[in-house]
Structures are given as structure tokens and as C-alpha cells.
């Protein structure tokens, strides 16, 4: 057990008090980065899904475009579907992480807003 009069503990508390504003700012910026990562992953997954749906739709047109659009060969779409699912899971996990961090540091978030970051 450390004593309150421990010089290392006093030095640590002094250093923490001096850097507390920068530490709070770094935590809030880290939360914003987490939110940005989740949004980018979500938009990548969404655009990939739209592109995949357009490609499937074009496969079943009366006059398909090019040799790649073979309605009997849907196996080339399986890796794209798997990658799409992984992107959606990543975006959900990243957004959930952001919400957990925001709730954990909500008091710090409000104080950073008051300080004007």
C-alpha cells in the first residue's frame, strides 16, 4: 500500500494535474476518431451492398453486358458478400465501441464542451 506522503505518488499527481487538459482533449479526440471509423466502415459497406445489388440486377437482364454477367455463375459474388458482411459487423462494432467510450467519459465530454476544446 502506498502512503499519501510517497514522493513518487506526489510527483505523479503533480504531473497529472499539469497535463489534465491535454489528456481530456486526447480522450475526446480519440472518441471522435472511433466515431469516424464506424461511419467510414458503414458507408463502405453500404456502397458495396448497393454495387452488389446493381450487379445482381444486371445479371438477370435480357441482354447482359459482357461475359462476366453470367446468371449461372453466382459463385464469384460469394467473397463480395462475405466482405460486405464483415464491413457491416466492423461498423457496428466500431459504433458500439464509440457509444461505450462516450458513456464512460460522458462527464469528461461535457467538461470538454464547456472548455470549448
Foldseek 3Di string as FASTA:
>chain_A
DDDPPDPVVVVVVVVCVVCVLVVLVVLVVVLVVLLVVLVVLVVVLVVLVVVLVVLLVLLPDPDHDDPVSPNVPCVVCVVSVVVSVVSNVVSVVSVVVSVVSCVVCVVSVVVCVVVVD
